[in-house]
C-alpha atoms as a PDB file:
ATOM      1  CA  MET A   1       0.000   0.000   0.000  1.00  0.00           C
ATOM      2  CA  ALA A   2       2.837   2.379   0.875  1.00  0.00           C
ATOM      3  CA  VAL A   3       4.377   1.777  -2.536  1.00  0.00           C
ATOM      4  CA  ALA A   4       1.064   2.420  -4.300  1.00  0.00           C
ATOM      5  CA  GLU A   5       0.524   5.663  -2.382  1.00  0.00           C
ATOM      6  CA  ALA A   6       4.067   6.788  -3.212  1.00  0.00           C
ATOM      7  CA  THR A   7       3.455   6.258  -6.894  1.00  0.00           C
ATOM      8  CA  ARG A   8       0.184   8.218  -6.771  1.00  0.00           C
ATOM      9  CA  THR A   9       1.373  11.304  -4.884  1.00  0.00           C
ATOM     10  CA  PRO A  10       3.224  13.004  -7.809  1.00  0.00           C
ATOM     11  CA  ALA A  11      -0.013  13.178  -9.834  1.00  0.00           C
ATOM     12  CA  PRO A  12      -1.260  16.511  -8.368  1.00  0.00           C
ATOM     13  CA  ALA A  13       2.164  18.050  -8.899  1.00  0.00           C
ATOM     14  CA  LYS A  14       2.138  16.891 -12.524  1.00  0.00           C
ATOM     15  CA  ARG A  15      -1.316  18.378 -13.024  1.00  0.00           C
ATOM     16  CA  ARG A  16      -0.152  21.683 -11.537  1.00  0.00           C
ATOM     17  CA  ARG A  17       2.868  21.709 -13.858  1.00  0.00           C
ATOM     18  CA  SER A  18       0.619  20.881 -16.809  1.00  0.00           C
ATOM     19  CA  ARG A  19      -1.761  23.736 -15.968  1.00  0.00           C
ATOM     20  CA  SER A  20       1.200  26.082 -15.514  1.00  0.00           C
ATOM     21  CA  ALA A  21       2.654  25.042 -18.884  1.00  0.00           C
ATOM     22  CA  ARG A  22      -0.690  25.574 -20.610  1.00  0.00           C
ATOM     23  CA  ARG A  23      -1.014  28.986 -18.961  1.00  0.00           C
ATOM     24  CA  GLU A  24       2.448  29.957 -20.201  1.00  0.00           C
ATOM     25  CA  GLN A  25       1.554  28.775 -23.701  1.00  0.00           C
ATOM     26  CA  TRP A  26      -1.579  30.932 -23.693  1.00  0.00           C
ATOM     27  CA  HIS A  27       0.418  33.910 -22.463  1.00  0.00           C
ATOM     28  CA  ALA A  28       3.038  33.370 -25.156  1.00  0.00           C
ATOM     29  CA  THR A  29       0.320  33.045 -27.792  1.00  0.00           C
ATOM     30  CA  GLY A  30      -1.275  36.270 -26.611  1.00  0.00           C
ATOM     31  CA  PHE A  31       2.017  38.155 -26.817  1.00  0.00           C
ATOM     32  CA  ILE A  32       2.928  36.879 -30.282  1.00  0.00           C
ATOM     33  CA  THR A  33      -0.538  37.170 -31.859  1.00  0.00           C
ATOM     34  CA  PRO A  34      -0.393  40.943 -32.586  1.00  0.00           C
ATOM     35  CA  SER A  35       2.941  40.546 -34.382  1.00  0.00           C
ATOM     36  CA  VAL A  36       1.707  37.563 -36.396  1.00  0.00           C
ATOM     37  CA  VAL A  37      -1.504  39.380 -37.350  1.00  0.00           C
ATOM     38  CA  GLY A  38       0.477  42.480 -38.317  1.00  0.00           C
ATOM     39  CA  LEU A  39       2.880  40.387 -40.391  1.00  0.00           C
ATOM     40  CA  GLY A  40      -0.012  38.731 -42.177  1.00  0.00           C
ATOM     41  CA  LEU A  41      -1.990  41.914 -42.839  1.00  0.00           C
ATOM     42  CA  PHE A  42       0.812  44.294 -43.736  1.00  0.00           C
ATOM     43  CA  THR A  43       3.427  41.970 -45.281  1.00  0.00           C
ATOM     44  CA  LEU A  44       2.154  38.579 -46.427  1.00  0.00           C
ATOM     45  CA  PHE A  45      -1.226  39.760 -47.722  1.00  0.00           C
ATOM     46  CA  PRO A  46       0.252  42.654 -49.782  1.00  0.00           C
ATOM     47  CA  VAL A  47       2.881  40.289 -51.216  1.00  0.00           C
ATOM     48  CA  VAL A  48       0.227  37.793 -52.317  1.00  0.00           C
ATOM     49  CA  MET A  49      -1.946  40.581 -53.715  1.00  0.00           C
ATOM     50  CA  ALA A  50       1.021  42.013 -55.632  1.00  0.00           C
ATOM     51  CA  VAL A  51       1.551  38.624 -57.285  1.00  0.00           C
ATOM     52  CA  VAL A  52      -2.116  38.444 -58.264  1.00  0.00           C
ATOM     53  CA  MET A  53      -2.309  42.050 -59.454  1.00  0.00           C
ATOM     54  CA  SER A  54       0.764  41.700 -61.671  1.00  0.00           C
ATOM     55  CA  PHE A  55      -1.281  39.428 -63.968  1.00  0.00           C
ATOM     56  CA  TYR A  56      -4.217  41.842 -64.213  1.00  0.00           C
ATOM     57  CA  LYS A  57      -5.007  45.178 -65.736  1.00  0.00           C
ATOM     58  CA  TRP A  58      -5.902  46.644 -62.379  1.00  0.00           C
ATOM     59  CA  PRO A  59      -6.965  50.299 -62.464  1.00  0.00           C
ATOM     60  CA  MET A  60      -7.294  52.098 -59.158  1.00  0.00           C
ATOM     61  CA  LEU A  61     -10.978  52.583 -59.963  1.00  0.00           C
ATOM     62  CA  GLY A  62     -12.943  50.317 -62.274  1.00  0.00           C
ATOM     63  CA  THR A  63     -13.074  46.662 -63.250  1.00  0.00           C
ATOM     64  CA  HIS A  64     -10.110  44.304 -63.232  1.00  0.00           C
ATOM     65  CA  GLU A  65      -9.155  42.331 -66.329  1.00  0.00           C
ATOM     66  CA  PHE A  66      -6.869  39.296 -66.412  1.00  0.00           C
ATOM     67  CA  VAL A  67      -4.061  39.892 -68.933  1.00  0.00           C
ATOM     68  CA  GLY A  68      -1.575  37.140 -68.071  1.00  0.00           C
ATOM     69  CA  PHE A  69       2.027  38.165 -68.736  1.00  0.00           C
ATOM     70  CA  SER A  70       1.060  41.230 -70.774  1.00  0.00           C
ATOM     71  CA  ASN A  71       2.230  43.626 -68.059  1.00  0.00           C
ATOM     72  CA  PHE A  72       5.675  42.037 -68.027  1.00  0.00           C
ATOM     73  CA  SER A  73       5.956  41.904 -71.816  1.00  0.00           C
ATOM     74  CA  TYR A  74       4.897  45.553 -72.056  1.00  0.00           C
ATOM     75  CA  LEU A  75       7.516  46.635 -69.530  1.00  0.00           C
ATOM     76  CA  PHE A  76      10.336  44.875 -71.343  1.00  0.00           C
ATOM     77  CA  GLY A  77       9.164  45.491 -74.881  1.00  0.00           C
ATOM     78  CA  GLY A  78       7.095  48.638 -75.080  1.00  0.00           C
ATOM     79  CA  ASP A  79       7.756  50.930 -72.133  1.00  0.00           C
ATOM     80  CA  PRO A  80      10.776  53.189 -72.728  1.00  0.00           C
ATOM     81  CA  ASP A  81      10.384  54.745 -69.290  1.00  0.00           C
ATOM     82  CA  PHE A  82      10.802  51.367 -67.588  1.00  0.00           C
ATOM     83  CA  LEU A  83      13.918  50.496 -69.581  1.00  0.00           C
ATOM     84  CA  ALA A  84      15.353  53.930 -68.786  1.00  0.00           C
ATOM     85  CA  ALA A  85      14.523  53.354 -65.122  1.00  0.00           C
ATOM     86  CA  VAL A  86      16.399  50.033 -65.144  1.00  0.00           C
ATOM     87  CA  ARG A  87      19.413  51.708 -66.746  1.00  0.00           C
ATOM     88  CA  ASN A  88      19.343  54.625 -64.311  1.00  0.00           C
ATOM     89  CA  THR A  89      19.030  52.281 -61.339  1.00  0.00           C
ATOM     90  CA  PHE A  90      22.090  50.305 -62.381  1.00  0.00           C
ATOM     91  CA  VAL A  91      24.069  53.474 -63.109  1.00  0.00           C
ATOM     92  CA  PHE A  92      23.131  54.864 -59.704  1.00  0.00           C
ATOM     93  CA  THR A  93      24.084  51.602 -58.006  1.00  0.00           C
ATOM     94  CA  GLY A  94      27.350  51.337 -59.932  1.00  0.00           C
ATOM     95  CA  LEU A  95      28.365  54.809 -58.761  1.00  0.00           C
ATOM     96  CA  PHE A  96      26.856  54.888 -55.286  1.00  0.00           C
ATOM     97  CA  VAL A  97      28.032  51.548 -53.886  1.00  0.00           C
ATOM     98  CA  PRO A  98      31.795  51.936 -54.595  1.00  0.00           C
ATOM     99  CA  LEU A  99      31.822  55.586 -53.523  1.00  0.00           C
ATOM    100  CA  ASN A 100      29.919  54.808 -50.335  1.00  0.00           C
ATOM    101  CA  ILE A 101      32.229  51.925 -49.418  1.00  0.00           C
ATOM    102  CA  ILE A 102      35.428  53.855 -50.235  1.00  0.00           C
ATOM    103  CA  VAL A 103      34.405  56.977 -48.299  1.00  0.00           C
ATOM    104  CA  ALA A 104      33.173  54.964 -45.305  1.00  0.00           C
ATOM    105  CA  LEU A 105      36.270  52.747 -45.278  1.00  0.00           C
ATOM    106  CA  GLY A 106      38.680  55.658 -45.639  1.00  0.00           C
ATOM    107  CA  LEU A 107      37.063  57.610 -42.816  1.00  0.00           C
ATOM    108  CA  ALA A 108      36.921  54.498 -40.612  1.00  0.00           C
ATOM    109  CA  PHE A 109      40.674  53.956 -40.986  1.00  0.00           C
ATOM    110  CA  TRP A 110      41.314  57.645 -40.405  1.00  0.00           C
ATOM    111  CA  ILE A 111      39.296  57.974 -37.200  1.00  0.00           C
ATOM    112  CA  SER A 112      40.733  54.697 -35.862  1.00  0.00           C
ATOM    113  CA  THR A 113      44.027  56.542 -35.329  1.00  0.00           C
ATOM    114  CA  SER A 114      42.426  59.525 -33.580  1.00  0.00           C
ATOM    115  CA  ARG A 115      41.880  59.903 -29.852  1.00  0.00           C
ATOM    116  CA  PHE A 116      38.579  61.638 -30.706  1.00  0.00           C
ATOM    117  CA  GLN A 117      37.236  58.517 -32.415  1.00  0.00           C
ATOM    118  CA  GLN A 118      33.906  58.509 -30.550  1.00  0.00           C
ATOM    119  CA  LEU A 119      33.269  62.159 -31.390  1.00  0.00           C
ATOM    120  CA  PHE A 120      33.996  61.616 -35.089  1.00  0.00           C
ATOM    121  CA  ARG A 121      31.697  58.590 -35.135  1.00  0.00           C
ATOM    122  CA  VAL A 122      28.829  60.718 -33.857  1.00  0.00           C
ATOM    123  CA  LEU A 123      29.533  63.613 -36.227  1.00  0.00           C
ATOM    124  CA  PHE A 124      29.824  61.448 -39.338  1.00  0.00           C
ATOM    125  CA  PHE A 125      26.743  59.430 -38.396  1.00  0.00           C
ATOM    126  CA  ILE A 126      24.453  62.464 -38.078  1.00  0.00           C
ATOM    127  CA  PRO A 127      23.528  62.622 -41.821  1.00  0.00           C
ATOM    128  CA  SER A 128      22.425  58.984 -41.685  1.00  0.00           C
ATOM    129  CA  ILE A 129      19.889  59.583 -38.921  1.00  0.00           C
ATOM    130  CA  THR A 130      18.605  62.868 -40.328  1.00  0.00           C
ATOM    131  CA  PRO A 131      15.330  62.352 -42.260  1.00  0.00           C
ATOM    132  CA  ALA A 132      16.068  61.686 -45.925  1.00  0.00           C
ATOM    133  CA  VAL A 133      13.398  64.169 -47.003  1.00  0.00           C
ATOM    134  CA  ALA A 134      15.067  66.985 -45.061  1.00  0.00           C
ATOM    135  CA  ASN A 135      18.485  66.085 -46.471  1.00  0.00           C
ATOM    136  CA  ALA A 136      17.118  65.996 -50.014  1.00  0.00           C
ATOM    137  CA  VAL A 137      15.433  69.391 -49.645  1.00  0.00           C
ATOM    138  CA  ILE A 138      18.645  70.969 -48.327  1.00  0.00           C
ATOM    139  CA  TRP A 139      20.752  69.519 -51.132  1.00  0.00           C
ATOM    140  CA  LYS A 140      18.184  70.610 -53.701  1.00  0.00           C
ATOM    141  CA  LEU A 141      18.644  74.174 -52.452  1.00  0.00           C
ATOM    142  CA  LEU A 142      22.432  73.796 -52.556  1.00  0.00           C
ATOM    143  CA  TYR A 143      22.285  72.678 -56.192  1.00  0.00           C
ATOM    144  CA  GLN A 144      20.178  75.635 -57.351  1.00  0.00           C
ATOM    145  CA  PRO A 145      21.799  78.133 -59.784  1.00  0.00           C
ATOM    146  CA  ASP A 146      21.802  80.717 -56.985  1.00  0.00           C
ATOM    147  CA  GLY A 147      22.788  78.192 -54.312  1.00  0.00           C
ATOM    148  CA  VAL A 148      25.936  77.802 -52.247  1.00  0.00           C
ATOM    149  CA  ILE A 149      27.668  75.398 -54.650  1.00  0.00           C
ATOM    150  CA  ALA A 150      27.197  77.711 -57.640  1.00  0.00           C
ATOM    151  CA  TYR A 151      28.331  80.713 -55.580  1.00  0.00           C
ATOM    152  CA  TYR A 152      31.614  79.165 -54.459  1.00  0.00           C
ATOM    153  CA  THR A 153      32.270  77.604 -57.858  1.00  0.00           C
ATOM    154  CA  GLU A 154      32.116  81.038 -59.448  1.00  0.00           C
ATOM    155  CA  LYS A 155      34.031  82.712 -56.634  1.00  0.00           C
ATOM    156  CA  LEU A 156      36.893  80.206 -56.459  1.00  0.00           C
ATOM    157  CA  PHE A 157      37.214  79.123 -60.091  1.00  0.00           C
ATOM    158  CA  GLY A 158      35.614  81.987 -61.985  1.00  0.00           C
ATOM    159  CA  VAL A 159      33.184  79.757 -63.878  1.00  0.00           C
ATOM    160  CA  HIS A 160      29.422  79.466 -63.762  1.00  0.00           C
ATOM    161  CA  ALA A 161      28.261  76.169 -62.296  1.00  0.00           C
ATOM    162  CA  PRO A 162      25.688  74.278 -64.342  1.00  0.00           C
ATOM    163  CA  ASN A 163      22.149  73.843 -63.130  1.00  0.00           C
ATOM    164  CA  PHE A 164      22.955  70.370 -61.842  1.00  0.00           C
ATOM    165  CA  LEU A 165      19.399  69.113 -61.308  1.00  0.00           C
ATOM    166  CA  ALA A 166      18.053  70.552 -64.580  1.00  0.00           C
ATOM    167  CA  ASP A 167      20.770  69.010 -66.761  1.00  0.00           C
ATOM    168  CA  GLY A 168      20.215  65.402 -67.782  1.00  0.00           C
ATOM    169  CA  HIS A 169      23.977  64.794 -67.830  1.00  0.00           C
ATOM    170  CA  THR A 170      24.570  65.884 -64.223  1.00  0.00           C
ATOM    171  CA  ALA A 171      21.259  65.297 -62.419  1.00  0.00           C
ATOM    172  CA  LEU A 172      21.838  61.627 -61.584  1.00  0.00           C
ATOM    173  CA  LEU A 173      25.414  62.303 -60.486  1.00  0.00           C
ATOM    174  CA  ALA A 174      24.137  65.086 -58.217  1.00  0.00           C
ATOM    175  CA  VAL A 175      21.723  62.636 -56.592  1.00  0.00           C
ATOM    176  CA  VAL A 176      24.566  60.122 -56.157  1.00  0.00           C
ATOM    177  CA  VAL A 177      26.740  62.693 -54.363  1.00  0.00           C
ATOM    178  CA  MET A 178      23.906  63.603 -52.010  1.00  0.00           C
ATOM    179  CA  SER A 179      23.169  59.913 -51.355  1.00  0.00           C
ATOM    180  CA  VAL A 180      26.804  59.137 -50.525  1.00  0.00           C
ATOM    181  CA  TRP A 181      26.904  62.053 -48.076  1.00  0.00           C
ATOM    182  CA  GLN A 182      23.744  60.807 -46.406  1.00  0.00           C
ATOM    183  CA  GLY A 183      24.496  57.094 -46.372  1.00  0.00           C
ATOM    184  CA  PHE A 184      28.184  56.524 -45.593  1.00  0.00           C
ATOM    185  CA  GLY A 185      27.664  56.816 -41.818  1.00  0.00           C
ATOM    186  CA  TYR A 186      26.226  53.321 -41.350  1.00  0.00           C
ATOM    187  CA  ASN A 187      29.084  51.616 -43.146  1.00  0.00           C
ATOM    188  CA  MET A 188      31.653  53.799 -41.410  1.00  0.00           C
ATOM    189  CA  ILE A 189      30.368  52.591 -38.027  1.00  0.00           C
ATOM    190  CA  ILE A 190      30.525  48.963 -39.193  1.00  0.00           C
ATOM    191  CA  PHE A 191      34.052  49.334 -40.565  1.00  0.00           C
ATOM    192  CA  SER A 192      35.239  51.260 -37.523  1.00  0.00           C
ATOM    193  CA  ALA A 193      34.068  48.489 -35.208  1.00  0.00           C
ATOM    194  CA  ALA A 194      35.741  45.851 -37.395  1.00  0.00           C
ATOM    195  CA  ILE A 195      39.025  47.794 -37.484  1.00  0.00           C
ATOM    196  CA  ASN A 196      39.040  48.083 -33.696  1.00  0.00           C
ATOM    197  CA  GLU A 197      38.620  44.302 -33.457  1.00  0.00           C
ATOM    198  CA  MET A 198      41.690  43.528 -35.580  1.00  0.00           C
ATOM    199  CA  PRO A 199      44.231  41.558 -33.490  1.00  0.00           C
ATOM    200  CA  PRO A 200      47.151  43.873 -32.607  1.00  0.00           C
ATOM    201  CA  SER A 201      49.527  40.905 -32.658  1.00  0.00           C
ATOM    202  CA  VAL A 202      48.791  40.261 -36.335  1.00  0.00           C
ATOM    203  CA  LEU A 203      49.390  43.900 -37.248  1.00  0.00           C
ATOM    204  CA  GLU A 204      52.617  43.973 -35.235  1.00  0.00           C
ATOM    205  CA  ALA A 205      53.832  40.793 -36.931  1.00  0.00           C
ATOM    206  CA  ALA A 206      53.072  42.299 -40.335  1.00  0.00           C
ATOM    207  CA  SER A 207      55.034  45.439 -39.451  1.00  0.00           C
ATOM    208  CA  ILE A 208      57.991  43.357 -38.287  1.00  0.00           C
ATOM    209  CA  ASP A 209      57.904  41.484 -41.605  1.00  0.00           C
ATOM    210  CA  GLY A 210      58.157  44.808 -43.425  1.00  0.00           C
ATOM    211  CA  ALA A 211      54.535  45.152 -44.573  1.00  0.00           C
ATOM    212  CA  THR A 212      53.656  48.840 -44.816  1.00  0.00           C
ATOM    213  CA  GLY A 213      51.189  51.107 -46.583  1.00  0.00           C
ATOM    214  CA  ILE A 214      49.183  49.615 -49.439  1.00  0.00           C
ATOM    215  CA  ARG A 215      50.660  46.147 -49.002  1.00  0.00           C
ATOM    216  CA  LYS A 216      49.609  46.023 -45.358  1.00  0.00           C
ATOM    217  CA  LEU A 217      46.151  47.302 -46.256  1.00  0.00           C
ATOM    218  CA  LEU A 218      45.535  44.814 -49.075  1.00  0.00           C
ATOM    219  CA  ARG A 219      47.203  41.740 -47.567  1.00  0.00           C
ATOM    220  CA  ILE A 220      46.396  42.102 -43.874  1.00  0.00           C
ATOM    221  CA  GLN A 221      43.792  44.680 -42.922  1.00  0.00           C
ATOM    222  CA  LEU A 222      41.174  44.227 -45.648  1.00  0.00           C
ATOM    223  CA  PRO A 223      41.134  40.408 -45.320  1.00  0.00           C
ATOM    224  CA  LEU A 224      40.675  40.787 -41.558  1.00  0.00           C
ATOM    225  CA  ILE A 225      37.596  42.998 -41.994  1.00  0.00           C
ATOM    226  CA  SER A 226      36.305  41.229 -45.129  1.00  0.00           C
ATOM    227  CA  PRO A 227      33.158  39.834 -43.393  1.00  0.00           C
ATOM    228  CA  SER A 228      32.131  43.371 -42.432  1.00  0.00           C
ATOM    229  CA  LEU A 229      33.051  44.600 -45.903  1.00  0.00           C
ATOM    230  CA  PHE A 230      30.880  41.910 -47.474  1.00  0.00           C
ATOM    231  CA  PHE A 231      27.916  42.682 -45.212  1.00  0.00           C
ATOM    232  CA  ALA A 232      28.161  46.407 -45.930  1.00  0.00           C
ATOM    233  CA  THR A 233      28.430  45.809 -49.678  1.00  0.00           C
ATOM    234  CA  VAL A 234      25.355  43.565 -49.775  1.00  0.00           C
ATOM    235  CA  MET A 235      23.206  45.907 -47.700  1.00  0.00           C
ATOM    236  CA  THR A 236      24.363  48.994 -49.602  1.00  0.00           C
ATOM    237  CA  MET A 237      23.647  47.282 -52.914  1.00  0.00           C
ATOM    238  CA  ILE A 238      20.127  46.330 -51.831  1.00  0.00           C
ATOM    239  CA  SER A 239      19.326  49.833 -50.582  1.00  0.00           C
ATOM    240  CA  SER A 240      20.740  51.505 -53.698  1.00  0.00           C
ATOM    241  CA  LEU A 241      18.555  49.404 -55.988  1.00  0.00           C
ATOM    242  CA  GLN A 242      15.543  50.709 -54.050  1.00  0.00           C
ATOM    243  CA  VAL A 243      16.483  54.400 -54.135  1.00  0.00           C
ATOM    244  CA  PHE A 244      13.424  56.630 -54.213  1.00  0.00           C
ATOM    245  CA  THR A 245      13.251  59.487 -51.703  1.00  0.00           C
ATOM    246  CA  GLN A 246      16.209  61.486 -53.010  1.00  0.00           C
ATOM    247  CA  VAL A 247      15.043  61.184 -56.605  1.00  0.00           C
ATOM    248  CA  PHE A 248      11.437  62.021 -55.776  1.00  0.00           C
ATOM    249  CA  ILE A 249      12.335  65.162 -53.803  1.00  0.00           C
ATOM    250  CA  MET A 250      15.273  66.473 -55.829  1.00  0.00           C
ATOM    251  CA  THR A 251      14.329  65.766 -59.448  1.00  0.00           C
ATOM    252  CA  GLY A 252      10.997  63.934 -59.588  1.00  0.00           C
ATOM    253  CA  GLY A 253      12.644  61.563 -62.072  1.00  0.00           C
ATOM    254  CA  GLY A 254      13.583  64.364 -64.464  1.00  0.00           C
ATOM    255  CA  PRO A 255      14.680  66.123 -66.462  1.00  0.00           C
ATOM    256  CA  GLY A 256      12.835  63.853 -68.856  1.00  0.00           C
ATOM    257  CA  ASN A 257      13.411  60.411 -67.391  1.00  0.00           C
ATOM    258  CA  SER A 258      17.153  60.857 -66.824  1.00  0.00           C
ATOM    259  CA  THR A 259      16.912  60.153 -63.079  1.00  0.00           C
ATOM    260  CA  GLU A 260      13.844  57.916 -62.951  1.00  0.00           C
ATOM    261  CA  THR A 261      14.670  54.754 -61.007  1.00  0.00           C
ATOM    262  CA  MET A 262      12.790  51.468 -60.769  1.00  0.00           C
ATOM    263  CA  VAL A 263      11.023  52.355 -57.528  1.00  0.00           C
ATOM    264  CA  MET A 264      10.156  55.729 -59.030  1.00  0.00           C
ATOM    265  CA  ASN A 265       8.730  53.837 -62.006  1.00  0.00           C
ATOM    266  CA  VAL A 266       6.587  51.745 -59.655  1.00  0.00           C
ATOM    267  CA  TYR A 267       5.303  54.955 -58.079  1.00  0.00           C
ATOM    268  CA  GLN A 268       4.568  56.547 -61.455  1.00  0.00           C
ATOM    269  CA  ALA A 269       2.708  53.471 -62.699  1.00  0.00           C
ATOM    270  CA  GLY A 270       0.684  53.002 -59.523  1.00  0.00           C
ATOM    271  CA  PHE A 271      -0.126  56.508 -58.331  1.00  0.00           C
ATOM    272  CA  VAL A 272       0.205  58.694 -61.436  1.00  0.00           C
ATOM    273  CA  SER A 273      -0.996  56.370 -64.204  1.00  0.00           C
ATOM    274  CA  ARG A 274      -3.114  54.496 -61.614  1.00  0.00           C
ATOM    275  CA  ASP A 275      -2.358  51.104 -63.127  1.00  0.00           C
ATOM    276  CA  LEU A 276      -1.730  48.965 -60.067  1.00  0.00           C
ATOM    277  CA  GLY A 277      -1.212  45.821 -62.137  1.00  0.00           C
ATOM    278  CA  LEU A 278       1.645  47.398 -64.086  1.00  0.00           C
ATOM    279  CA  ALA A 279       3.126  48.773 -60.857  1.00  0.00           C
ATOM    280  CA  ALA A 280       2.994  45.322 -59.251  1.00  0.00           C
ATOM    281  CA  ALA A 281       4.724  43.747 -62.254  1.00  0.00           C
ATOM    282  CA  SER A 282       7.461  46.389 -62.117  1.00  0.00           C
ATOM    283  CA  ALA A 283       7.909  45.778 -58.389  1.00  0.00           C
ATOM    284  CA  TRP A 284       8.300  42.032 -58.895  1.00  0.00           C
ATOM    285  CA  ILE A 285      10.903  42.573 -61.593  1.00  0.00           C
ATOM    286  CA  LEU A 286      12.842  44.747 -59.142  1.00  0.00           C
ATOM    287  CA  PHE A 287      12.518  42.051 -56.479  1.00  0.00           C
ATOM    288  CA  ALA A 288      13.859  39.436 -58.900  1.00  0.00           C
ATOM    289  CA  LEU A 289      16.838  41.642 -59.797  1.00  0.00           C
ATOM    290  CA  ILE A 290      17.674  42.235 -56.134  1.00  0.00           C
ATOM    291  CA  LEU A 291      17.372  38.511 -55.403  1.00  0.00           C
ATOM    292  CA  ILE A 292      19.646  37.537 -58.300  1.00  0.00           C
ATOM    293  CA  ILE A 293      22.289  40.163 -57.521  1.00  0.00           C
ATOM    294  CA  THR A 294      22.309  39.230 -53.827  1.00  0.00           C
ATOM    295  CA  ALA A 295      22.613  35.527 -54.668  1.00  0.00           C
ATOM    296  CA  VAL A 296      25.561  36.259 -56.972  1.00  0.00           C
ATOM    297  CA  GLN A 297      27.233  38.215 -54.181  1.00  0.00           C
ATOM    298  CA  PHE A 298      26.812  35.337 -51.739  1.00  0.00           C
ATOM    299  CA  VAL A 299      28.268  32.879 -54.231  1.00  0.00           C
ATOM    300  CA  GLY A 300      31.194  35.170 -55.027  1.00  0.00           C
ATOM    301  CA  GLN A 301      32.024  35.968 -51.404  1.00  0.00           C
ATOM    302  CA  LYS A 302      33.577  32.530 -50.935  1.00  0.00           C
ATOM    303  CA  ARG A 303      36.589  33.747 -52.913  1.00  0.00           C
ATOM    304  CA  TRP A 304      37.426  36.868 -50.941  1.00  0.00           C
ATOM    305  CA  VAL A 305      35.678  36.811 -47.560  1.00  0.00           C
ATOM    306  CA  HIS A 306      37.749  35.240 -44.781  1.00  0.00           C
ATOM    307  CA  TYR A 307      35.965  34.083 -41.647  1.00  0.00           C
ATOM    308  CA  GLU A 308      37.730  33.160 -38.436  1.00  0.00           C
ATOM    309  CA  HIS A 309      37.269  29.540 -37.445  1.00  0.00           C
END
């Protein structure tokens, strides 16, 4: 009997633990439900709808008509604005990404030797946390024919500066310069942290072996921070392919379509032409391009990114 009672006594404790576990599960479910609902309503549902809409002629007001792949074929074969937007996006990315990385990397190495490193980090990071709209408005004023840039160009060099944003040859470059100024702060912080984590013993050994200057940079320092360099390159590439705010505020895609990017094209199709189906198709093409380029970067990183094991 004593043995039987001993085997039965843990049952209430097990039931209490079971009730406690169920209570914790309900609490956890309650906490996670708002996030799951928000993810479904504001992310998953729009993604599914964008897929559906890309196969329809979907005016903002009116009836919807299934057109299959006609939206995609029109974009690639009959829409000069879209093809110009693809070209402009790649030109912007090809200029912005290297300049951003070089400026951020150079400043990170420079401030790493300064005793005011923390102060410089804060100062250089300020443009990155300032609202992009405000930055774009300020730079638009700077680029005006009667702005600060034109004034000092004439005063120092005796020549009249062009109207940068009104000239199709300089407008995109002007947007690139503004974007580099605004965006290098994030990468500079990443590179600065990576530089500070470089093992001093490795750098001292390289100096003893006679490695100096460019050789030390290329053979020792860059390989040591290559994971951070790869991360910054991927993220900068993705953000540059989605550039919109600067273009919208500074040029509106003009003059002509010389600065219209792919996201700007999505905006024009959806909210100006009010063809949501065409806008959805353009957005999915952009997504595919970003996915392919990112995949290529991940495949290629095996050759130059060195991880510590």
